Amino acid sequence: EDCEWGFTDEPDNYKDKANYATAFIGLRHT
């Protein structure tokens, strides 16, 4: 994820980069 937010007229807006991982297991019964 790449984010940039702040004021539209300012050159130094807040920028953020994030990497994330998720793992899951489950059991399904119909």
PDB file of all heavy atoms in Angstrom:
ATOM      1  N   GLU A   1       0.843  -1.191   0.000  1.00  0.00           N
ATOM      2  CA  GLU A   1       0.000   0.000   0.000  1.00  0.00           C
ATOM      3  C   GLU A   1       0.882   1.246   0.000  1.00  0.00           C
ATOM      4  O   GLU A   1       1.860   1.318   0.735  1.00  0.00           O
ATOM      5  CB  GLU A   1      -0.880  -0.010   1.247  1.00  0.00           C
ATOM      6  CG  GLU A   1      -1.840   1.115   1.330  1.00  0.00           C
ATOM      7  CD  GLU A   1      -2.755   0.946   2.528  1.00  0.00           C
ATOM      8  OE1 GLU A   1      -3.656   0.095   2.467  1.00  0.00           O
ATOM      9  OE2 GLU A   1      -2.551   1.664   3.515  1.00  0.00           O
ATOM     10  N   ASP A   2       0.535   2.214  -0.848  1.00  0.00           N
ATOM     11  CA  ASP A   2       1.190   3.521  -0.891  1.00  0.00           C
ATOM     12  C   ASP A   2       0.133   4.579  -0.627  1.00  0.00           C
ATOM     13  O   ASP A   2      -0.889   4.615  -1.306  1.00  0.00           O
ATOM     14  CB  ASP A   2       1.828   3.783  -2.257  1.00  0.00           C
ATOM     15  CG  ASP A   2       2.964   2.831  -2.561  1.00  0.00           C
ATOM     16  OD1 ASP A   2       3.661   2.434  -1.621  1.00  0.00           O
ATOM     17  OD2 ASP A   2       3.161   2.497  -3.741  1.00  0.00           O
ATOM     18  N   CYS A   3       0.382   5.437   0.359  1.00  0.00           N
ATOM     19  CA  CYS A   3      -0.581   6.481   0.727  1.00  0.00           C
ATOM     20  C   CYS A   3       0.102   7.838   0.728  1.00  0.00           C
ATOM     21  O   CYS A   3       1.272   7.955   1.071  1.00  0.00           O
ATOM     22  CB  CYS A   3      -1.143   6.245   2.122  1.00  0.00           C
ATOM     23  SG  CYS A   3      -1.960   4.688   2.344  1.00  0.00           S
ATOM     24  N   GLU A   4      -0.650   8.860   0.370  1.00  0.00           N
ATOM     25  CA  GLU A   4      -0.209  10.238   0.506  1.00  0.00           C
ATOM     26  C   GLU A   4      -1.416  11.062   0.914  1.00  0.00           C
ATOM     27  O   GLU A   4      -2.469  10.983   0.300  1.00  0.00           O
ATOM     28  CB  GLU A   4       0.359  10.765  -0.803  1.00  0.00           C
ATOM     29  CG  GLU A   4       0.840  12.195  -0.711  1.00  0.00           C
ATOM     30  CD  GLU A   4       1.400  12.733  -2.004  1.00  0.00           C
ATOM     31  OE1 GLU A   4       1.481  11.973  -2.983  1.00  0.00           O
ATOM     32  OE2 GLU A   4       1.740  13.910  -2.037  1.00  0.00           O
ATOM     33  N   TRP A   5      -1.260  11.827   1.989  1.00  0.00           N
ATOM     34  CA  TRP A   5      -2.358  12.684   2.412  1.00  0.00           C
ATOM     35  C   TRP A   5      -1.806  13.938   3.074  1.00  0.00           C
ATOM     36  O   TRP A   5      -0.670  14.001   3.481  1.00  0.00           O
ATOM     37  CB  TRP A   5      -3.335  11.973   3.334  1.00  0.00           C
ATOM     38  CG  TRP A   5      -2.747  11.380   4.557  1.00  0.00           C
ATOM     39  CD1 TRP A   5      -2.535  11.992   5.737  1.00  0.00           C
ATOM     40  CD2 TRP A   5      -2.297  10.044   4.724  1.00  0.00           C
ATOM     41  NE1 TRP A   5      -1.980  11.127   6.644  1.00  0.00           N
ATOM     42  CE2 TRP A   5      -1.827   9.927   6.045  1.00  0.00           C
ATOM     43  CE3 TRP A   5      -2.245   8.943   3.894  1.00  0.00           C
ATOM     44  CZ2 TRP A   5      -1.302   8.750   6.535  1.00  0.00           C
ATOM     45  CZ3 TRP A   5      -1.737   7.775   4.394  1.00  0.00           C
ATOM     46  CH2 TRP A   5      -1.281   7.682   5.692  1.00  0.00           C
ATOM     47  N   GLY A   6      -2.650  14.928   3.154  1.00  0.00           N
ATOM     48  CA  GLY A   6      -2.275  16.208   3.730  1.00  0.00           C
ATOM     49  C   GLY A   6      -3.028  17.323   3.038  1.00  0.00           C
ATOM     50  O   GLY A   6      -4.162  17.157   2.609  1.00  0.00           O
ATOM     51  N   PHE A   7      -2.363  18.449   2.876  1.00  0.00           N
ATOM     52  CA  PHE A   7      -2.977  19.607   2.243  1.00  0.00           C
ATOM     53  C   PHE A   7      -2.626  19.639   0.758  1.00  0.00           C
ATOM     54  O   PHE A   7      -1.535  19.276   0.359  1.00  0.00           O
ATOM     55  CB  PHE A   7      -2.505  20.896   2.918  1.00  0.00           C
ATOM     56  CG  PHE A   7      -2.828  20.943   4.374  1.00  0.00           C
ATOM     57  CD1 PHE A   7      -1.857  20.728   5.328  1.00  0.00           C
ATOM     58  CD2 PHE A   7      -4.125  21.171   4.780  1.00  0.00           C
ATOM     59  CE1 PHE A   7      -2.160  20.753   6.668  1.00  0.00           C
ATOM     60  CE2 PHE A   7      -4.443  21.207   6.124  1.00  0.00           C
ATOM     61  CZ  PHE A   7      -3.458  20.994   7.076  1.00  0.00           C
ATOM     62  N   THR A   8      -3.540  20.086  -0.068  1.00  0.00           N
ATOM     63  CA  THR A   8      -3.302  20.096  -1.509  1.00  0.00           C
ATOM     64  C   THR A   8      -2.271  21.133  -1.918  1.00  0.00           C
ATOM     65  O   THR A   8      -1.622  20.982  -2.937  1.00  0.00           O
ATOM     66  CB  THR A   8      -4.615  20.378  -2.265  1.00  0.00           C
ATOM     67  OG1 THR A   8      -5.165  21.599  -1.781  1.00  0.00           O
ATOM     68  CG2 THR A   8      -5.590  19.254  -2.098  1.00  0.00           C
ATOM     69  N   ASP A   9      -2.073  22.189  -1.139  1.00  0.00           N
ATOM     70  CA  ASP A   9      -1.156  23.249  -1.545  1.00  0.00           C
ATOM     71  C   ASP A   9       0.211  23.170  -0.864  1.00  0.00           C
ATOM     72  O   ASP A   9       1.033  24.046  -1.035  1.00  0.00           O
ATOM     73  CB  ASP A   9      -1.789  24.619  -1.298  1.00  0.00           C
ATOM     74  CG  ASP A   9      -2.222  24.794   0.154  1.00  0.00           C
ATOM     75  OD1 ASP A   9      -2.163  23.804   0.899  1.00  0.00           O
ATOM     76  OD2 ASP A   9      -2.625  25.908   0.508  1.00  0.00           O
ATOM     77  N   GLU A  10       0.490  22.133  -0.109  1.00  0.00           N
ATOM     78  CA  GLU A  10       1.777  21.986   0.556  1.00  0.00           C
ATOM     79  C   GLU A  10       2.613  20.916  -0.131  1.00  0.00           C
ATOM     80  O   GLU A  10       2.113  19.845  -0.458  1.00  0.00           O
ATOM     81  CB  GLU A  10       1.593  21.619   2.025  1.00  0.00           C
ATOM     82  CG  GLU A  10       1.023  22.747   2.845  1.00  0.00           C
ATOM     83  CD  GLU A  10       1.005  22.407   4.311  1.00  0.00           C
ATOM     84  OE1 GLU A  10       1.619  21.394   4.701  1.00  0.00           O
ATOM     85  OE2 GLU A  10       0.364  23.152   5.062  1.00  0.00           O
ATOM     86  N   PRO A  11       3.909  21.181  -0.351  1.00  0.00           N
ATOM     87  CA  PRO A  11       4.748  20.184  -1.034  1.00  0.00           C
ATOM     88  C   PRO A  11       5.125  18.992  -0.154  1.00  0.00           C
ATOM     89  O   PRO A  11       5.420  17.933  -0.661  1.00  0.00           O
ATOM     90  CB  PRO A  11       5.997  20.987  -1.424  1.00  0.00           C
ATOM     91  CG  PRO A  11       6.044  22.106  -0.444  1.00  0.00           C
ATOM     92  CD  PRO A  11       4.615  22.417  -0.090  1.00  0.00           C
ATOM     93  N   ASP A  12       5.135  19.162   1.173  1.00  0.00           N
ATOM     94  CA  ASP A  12       5.558  18.091   2.073  1.00  0.00           C
ATOM     95  C   ASP A  12       4.358  17.410   2.713  1.00  0.00           C
ATOM     96  O   ASP A  12       4.102  17.544   3.904  1.00  0.00           O
ATOM     97  CB  ASP A  12       6.479  18.644   3.160  1.00  0.00           C
ATOM     98  CG  ASP A  12       7.785  19.158   2.585  1.00  0.00           C
ATOM     99  OD1 ASP A  12       8.222  18.597   1.566  1.00  0.00           O
ATOM    100  OD2 ASP A  12       8.346  20.100   3.142  1.00  0.00           O
ATOM    101  N   ASN A  13       3.619  16.671   1.919  1.00  0.00           N
ATOM    102  CA  ASN A  13       2.508  15.904   2.455  1.00  0.00           C
ATOM    103  C   ASN A  13       3.031  14.636   3.116  1.00  0.00           C
ATOM    104  O   ASN A  13       4.153  14.199   2.873  1.00  0.00           O
ATOM    105  CB  ASN A  13       1.530  15.529   1.335  1.00  0.00           C
ATOM    106  CG  ASN A  13       0.780  16.735   0.845  1.00  0.00           C
ATOM    107  OD1 ASN A  13       0.391  17.596   1.616  1.00  0.00           O
ATOM    108  ND2 ASN A  13       0.574  16.807  -0.457  1.00  0.00           N
ATOM    109  N   TYR A  14       2.221  14.034   3.948  1.00  0.00           N
ATOM    110  CA  TYR A  14       2.595  12.812   4.643  1.00  0.00           C
ATOM    111  C   TYR A  14       2.507  11.640   3.674  1.00  0.00           C
ATOM    112  O   TYR A  14       1.473  11.436   3.036  1.00  0.00           O
ATOM    113  CB  TYR A  14       1.674  12.591   5.838  1.00  0.00           C
ATOM    114  CG  TYR A  14       2.040  11.387   6.647  1.00  0.00           C
ATOM    115  CD1 TYR A  14       3.173  11.389   7.454  1.00  0.00           C
ATOM    116  CD2 TYR A  14       1.273  10.242   6.590  1.00  0.00           C
ATOM    117  CE1 TYR A  14       3.525  10.282   8.192  1.00  0.00           C
ATOM    118  CE2 TYR A  14       1.620   9.129   7.325  1.00  0.00           C
ATOM    119  CZ  TYR A  14       2.747   9.152   8.123  1.00  0.00           C
ATOM    120  OH  TYR A  14       3.089   8.050   8.842  1.00  0.00           O
ATOM    121  N   LYS A  15       3.580  10.878   3.556  1.00  0.00           N
ATOM    122  CA  LYS A  15       3.609   9.714   2.664  1.00  0.00           C
ATOM    123  C   LYS A  15       3.888   8.476   3.502  1.00  0.00           C
ATOM    124  O   LYS A  15       4.680   8.515   4.443  1.00  0.00           O
ATOM    125  CB  LYS A  15       4.676   9.877   1.592  1.00  0.00           C
ATOM    126  CG  LYS A  15       4.379  11.019   0.655  1.00  0.00           C
ATOM    127  CD  LYS A  15       5.420  11.140  -0.413  1.00  0.00           C
ATOM    128  CE  LYS A  15       5.076  12.313  -1.303  1.00  0.00           C
ATOM    129  NZ  LYS A  15       6.021  12.493  -2.374  1.00  0.00           N
ATOM    130  N   ASP A  16       3.244   7.382   3.145  1.00  0.00           N
ATOM    131  CA  ASP A  16       3.375   6.155   3.908  1.00  0.00           C
ATOM    132  C   ASP A  16       3.356   4.976   2.954  1.00  0.00           C
ATOM    133  O   ASP A  16       2.581   4.960   1.997  1.00  0.00           O
ATOM    134  CB  ASP A  16       2.215   6.047   4.900  1.00  0.00           C
ATOM    135  CG  ASP A  16       2.370   4.883   5.849  1.00  0.00           C
ATOM    136  OD1 ASP A  16       3.520   4.431   6.043  1.00  0.00           O
ATOM    137  OD2 ASP A  16       1.361   4.437   6.397  1.00  0.00           O
ATOM    138  N   LYS A  17       4.228   3.998   3.212  1.00  0.00           N
ATOM    139  CA  LYS A  17       4.237   2.748   2.450  1.00  0.00           C
ATOM    140  C   LYS A  17       4.125   1.616   3.450  1.00  0.00           C
ATOM    141  O   LYS A  17       4.769   1.642   4.499  1.00  0.00           O
ATOM    142  CB  LYS A  17       5.520   2.607   1.646  1.00  0.00           C
ATOM    143  CG  LYS A  17       5.635   3.605   0.529  1.00  0.00           C
ATOM    144  CD  LYS A  17       6.846   3.328  -0.309  1.00  0.00           C
ATOM    145  CE  LYS A  17       6.866   4.358  -1.422  1.00  0.00           C
ATOM    146  NZ  LYS A  17       7.395   3.834  -2.636  1.00  0.00           N
ATOM    147  N   ALA A  18       3.303   0.648   3.140  1.00  0.00           N
ATOM    148  CA  ALA A  18       3.106  -0.482   4.051  1.00  0.00           C
ATOM    149  C   ALA A  18       3.067  -1.782   3.266  1.00  0.00           C
ATOM    150  O   ALA A  18       2.527  -1.836   2.164  1.00  0.00           O
ATOM    151  CB  ALA A  18       1.804  -0.306   4.824  1.00  0.00           C
ATOM    152  N   ASN A  19       3.660  -2.803   3.830  1.00  0.00           N
ATOM    153  CA  ASN A  19       3.564  -4.172   3.326  1.00  0.00           C
ATOM    154  C   ASN A  19       2.915  -5.000   4.423  1.00  0.00           C
ATOM    155  O   ASN A  19       3.208  -4.820   5.596  1.00  0.00           O
ATOM    156  CB  ASN A  19       4.938  -4.750   3.016  1.00  0.00           C
ATOM    157  CG  ASN A  19       5.655  -3.985   1.929  1.00  0.00           C
ATOM    158  OD1 ASN A  19       5.036  -3.420   1.058  1.00  0.00           O
ATOM    159  ND2 ASN A  19       6.972  -3.961   1.995  1.00  0.00           N
ATOM    160  N   TYR A  20       2.040  -5.902   4.039  1.00  0.00           N
ATOM    161  CA  TYR A  20       1.373  -6.715   5.048  1.00  0.00           C
ATOM    162  C   TYR A  20       1.134  -8.116   4.524  1.00  0.00           C
ATOM    163  O   TYR A  20       1.022  -8.338   3.321  1.00  0.00           O
ATOM    164  CB  TYR A  20       0.058  -6.075   5.505  1.00  0.00           C
ATOM    165  CG  TYR A  20      -0.891  -5.742   4.385  1.00  0.00           C
ATOM    166  CD1 TYR A  20      -1.843  -6.657   3.965  1.00  0.00           C
ATOM    167  CD2 TYR A  20      -0.839  -4.514   3.746  1.00  0.00           C
ATOM    168  CE1 TYR A  20      -2.708  -6.356   2.939  1.00  0.00           C
ATOM    169  CE2 TYR A  20      -1.702  -4.206   2.722  1.00  0.00           C
ATOM    170  CZ  TYR A  20      -2.638  -5.122   2.321  1.00  0.00           C
ATOM    171  OH  TYR A  20      -3.494  -4.836   1.300  1.00  0.00           O
ATOM    172  N   ALA A  21       1.079  -9.044   5.445  1.00  0.00           N
ATOM    173  CA  ALA A  21       0.840 -10.448   5.119  1.00  0.00           C
ATOM    174  C   ALA A  21      -0.209 -10.997   6.073  1.00  0.00           C
ATOM    175  O   ALA A  21      -0.265 -10.610   7.242  1.00  0.00           O
ATOM    176  CB  ALA A  21       2.124 -11.251   5.231  1.00  0.00           C
ATOM    177  N   THR A  22      -1.037 -11.882   5.556  1.00  0.00           N
ATOM    178  CA  THR A  22      -2.096 -12.505   6.341  1.00  0.00           C
ATOM    179  C   THR A  22      -2.131 -13.996   6.008  1.00  0.00           C
ATOM    180  O   THR A  22      -1.967 -14.380   4.850  1.00  0.00           O
ATOM    181  CB  THR A  22      -3.471 -11.889   5.988  1.00  0.00           C
ATOM    182  OG1 THR A  22      -3.384 -10.478   6.107  1.00  0.00           O
ATOM    183  CG2 THR A  22      -4.557 -12.412   6.876  1.00  0.00           C
ATOM    184  N   ALA A  23      -2.360 -14.825   7.012  1.00  0.00           N
ATOM    185  CA  ALA A  23      -2.534 -16.264   6.805  1.00  0.00           C
ATOM    186  C   ALA A  23      -3.722 -16.712   7.643  1.00  0.00           C
ATOM    187  O   ALA A  23      -3.950 -16.206   8.737  1.00  0.00           O
ATOM    188  CB  ALA A  23      -1.285 -17.022   7.218  1.00  0.00           C
ATOM    189  N   PHE A  24      -4.498 -17.648   7.092  1.00  0.00           N
ATOM    190  CA  PHE A  24      -5.633 -18.153   7.853  1.00  0.00           C
ATOM    191  C   PHE A  24      -5.956 -19.578   7.437  1.00  0.00           C
ATOM    192  O   PHE A  24      -5.618 -20.025   6.352  1.00  0.00           O
ATOM    193  CB  PHE A  24      -6.863 -17.258   7.715  1.00  0.00           C
ATOM    194  CG  PHE A  24      -7.298 -16.985   6.310  1.00  0.00           C
ATOM    195  CD1 PHE A  24      -8.248 -17.769   5.689  1.00  0.00           C
ATOM    196  CD2 PHE A  24      -6.758 -15.928   5.600  1.00  0.00           C
ATOM    197  CE1 PHE A  24      -8.653 -17.510   4.400  1.00  0.00           C
ATOM    198  CE2 PHE A  24      -7.157 -15.656   4.309  1.00  0.00           C
ATOM    199  CZ  PHE A  24      -8.103 -16.456   3.717  1.00  0.00           C
ATOM    200  N   ILE A  25      -6.581 -20.288   8.363  1.00  0.00           N
ATOM    201  CA  ILE A  25      -7.068 -21.647   8.116  1.00  0.00           C
ATOM    202  C   ILE A  25      -8.519 -21.701   8.571  1.00  0.00           C
ATOM    203  O   ILE A  25      -8.950 -20.908   9.394  1.00  0.00           O
ATOM    204  CB  ILE A  25      -6.218 -22.716   8.822  1.00  0.00           C
ATOM    205  CG1 ILE A  25      -6.252 -22.505  10.334  1.00  0.00           C
ATOM    206  CG2 ILE A  25      -4.794 -22.710   8.318  1.00  0.00           C
ATOM    207  CD1 ILE A  25      -5.626 -23.631  11.104  1.00  0.00           C
ATOM    208  N   GLY A  26      -9.248 -22.644   8.023  1.00  0.00           N
ATOM    209  CA  GLY A  26     -10.647 -22.767   8.411  1.00  0.00           C
ATOM    210  C   GLY A  26     -11.206 -24.136   8.101  1.00  0.00           C
ATOM    211  O   GLY A  26     -10.594 -24.943   7.408  1.00  0.00           O
ATOM    212  N   LEU A  27     -12.365 -24.380   8.639  1.00  0.00           N
ATOM    213  CA  LEU A  27     -13.084 -25.617   8.428  1.00  0.00           C
ATOM    214  C   LEU A  27     -14.490 -25.266   7.961  1.00  0.00           C
ATOM    215  O   LEU A  27     -15.157 -24.428   8.572  1.00  0.00           O
ATOM    216  CB  LEU A  27     -13.152 -26.403   9.748  1.00  0.00           C
ATOM    217  CG  LEU A  27     -13.880 -27.748   9.711  1.00  0.00           C
ATOM    218  CD1 LEU A  27     -13.065 -28.750   8.903  1.00  0.00           C
ATOM    219  CD2 LEU A  27     -14.106 -28.248  11.116  1.00  0.00           C
ATOM    220  N   ARG A  28     -14.917 -25.870   6.852  1.00  0.00           N
ATOM    221  CA  ARG A  28     -16.238 -25.590   6.302  1.00  0.00           C
ATOM    222  C   ARG A  28     -17.035 -26.898   6.229  1.00  0.00           C
ATOM    223  O   ARG A  28     -16.556 -27.910   5.730  1.00  0.00           O
ATOM    224  CB  ARG A  28     -16.099 -24.978   4.916  1.00  0.00           C
ATOM    225  CG  ARG A  28     -17.403 -24.721   4.241  1.00  0.00           C
ATOM    226  CD  ARG A  28     -17.276 -23.990   2.919  1.00  0.00           C
ATOM    227  NE  ARG A  28     -16.134 -24.420   2.143  1.00  0.00           N
ATOM    228  CZ  ARG A  28     -15.363 -23.578   1.451  1.00  0.00           C
ATOM    229  NH1 ARG A  28     -15.610 -22.292   1.470  1.00  0.00           N
ATOM    230  NH2 ARG A  28     -14.364 -24.050   0.754  1.00  0.00           N
ATOM    231  N   HIS A  29     -18.259 -26.818   6.744  1.00  0.00           N
ATOM    232  CA  HIS A  29     -19.151 -27.979   6.693  1.00  0.00           C
ATOM    233  C   HIS A  29     -20.499 -27.508   6.124  1.00  0.00           C
ATOM    234  O   HIS A  29     -21.082 -26.544   6.602  1.00  0.00           O
ATOM    235  CB  HIS A  29     -19.373 -28.575   8.097  1.00  0.00           C
ATOM    236  CG  HIS A  29     -20.249 -29.773   8.086  1.00  0.00           C
ATOM    237  ND1 HIS A  29     -19.787 -31.001   7.686  1.00  0.00           N
ATOM    238  CD2 HIS A  29     -21.557 -29.914   8.405  1.00  0.00           C
ATOM    239  CE1 HIS A  29     -20.792 -31.863   7.768  1.00  0.00           C
ATOM    240  NE2 HIS A  29     -21.873 -31.226   8.210  1.00  0.00           N
ATOM    241  N   THR A  30     -20.961 -28.159   5.089  1.00  0.00           N
ATOM    242  CA  THR A  30     -22.244 -27.795   4.483  1.00  0.00           C
ATOM    243  C   THR A  30     -23.335 -28.735   4.987  1.00  0.00           C
ATOM    244  O   THR A  30     -23.099 -29.922   5.246  1.00  0.00           O
ATOM    245  CB  THR A  30     -22.171 -27.872   2.948  1.00  0.00           C
ATOM    246  OG1 THR A  30     -21.746 -29.172   2.570  1.00  0.00           O
ATOM    247  CG2 THR A  30     -21.188 -26.851   2.403  1.00  0.00           C
TER     248      THR A  30
END
